[in-house]
Amino acid sequence: DDQTLLFPGHNYGGPFSTLGDEKRQNPFLRFASLGDFLRAMGGGRIVLP
């Protein structure tokens, strides 16, 4: 449901958003496939600080 409230775990601009807003505005939710997302994220490799 696009009206589902989301509460970020970090300081990301506001105290809450909706799933619909995030689907429209968040570029990380616009990848066509899981493979595309993983490639954009460095192939799934996490670099530790």
Protein backbone atom coordinates (compact mmCIF):
# COMPACT_ATOMS: atom_id res chain seq x y z
CA ASP A 1 0.00 0.00 0.00
CA ASP A 2 1.54 3.32 -1.07
CA GLN A 3 0.20 4.99 2.10
CA THR A 4 2.31 2.76 4.36
CA LEU A 5 4.38 4.96 6.67
CA LEU A 6 8.16 4.54 6.71
CA PHE A 7 10.32 5.79 9.55
CA PRO A 8 14.01 6.21 8.63
CA GLY A 9 16.67 4.84 10.95
CA HIS A 10 18.96 7.82 10.32
CA ASN A 11 18.60 11.56 9.70
CA TYR A 12 17.31 11.54 6.12
CA GLY A 13 15.42 14.80 5.89
CA GLY A 14 12.20 14.05 7.71
CA PRO A 15 10.76 11.99 10.53
CA PHE A 16 8.71 9.79 8.16
CA SER A 17 7.73 9.19 4.55
CA THR A 18 5.29 6.95 2.71
CA LEU A 19 6.06 3.98 0.50
CA GLY A 20 4.44 5.80 -2.42
CA ASP A 21 6.63 8.88 -1.93
CA GLU A 22 9.76 6.74 -1.75
CA LYS A 23 8.82 4.80 -4.90
CA ARG A 24 8.47 8.13 -6.73
CA GLN A 25 11.49 9.95 -5.26
CA ASN A 26 14.11 7.40 -4.17
CA PRO A 27 16.48 6.49 -7.03
CA PHE A 28 17.51 3.30 -5.21
CA LEU A 29 13.99 1.94 -5.70
CA ARG A 30 14.03 2.47 -9.48
CA PHE A 31 16.39 -0.31 -10.60
CA ALA A 32 14.89 -2.67 -13.18
CA SER A 33 16.39 -5.76 -11.56
CA LEU A 34 18.27 -7.03 -8.54
CA GLY A 35 21.34 -7.43 -10.74
CA ASP A 36 21.22 -3.75 -11.74
CA PHE A 37 20.93 -2.75 -8.08
CA LEU A 38 23.86 -4.96 -7.03
CA ARG A 39 26.06 -3.60 -9.85
CA ALA A 40 25.29 -0.03 -8.77
CA MET A 41 26.14 -0.97 -5.18
CA GLY A 42 29.57 -2.30 -6.14
CA GLY A 43 28.63 -5.86 -6.91
CA GLY A 44 27.35 -6.53 -3.42
CA ARG A 45 30.77 -6.03 -1.84
CA ILE A 46 30.74 -3.99 1.34
CA VAL A 47 33.82 -1.88 2.01
CA LEU A 48 34.49 -1.49 5.69
CA PRO A 49 35.78 1.89 6.92
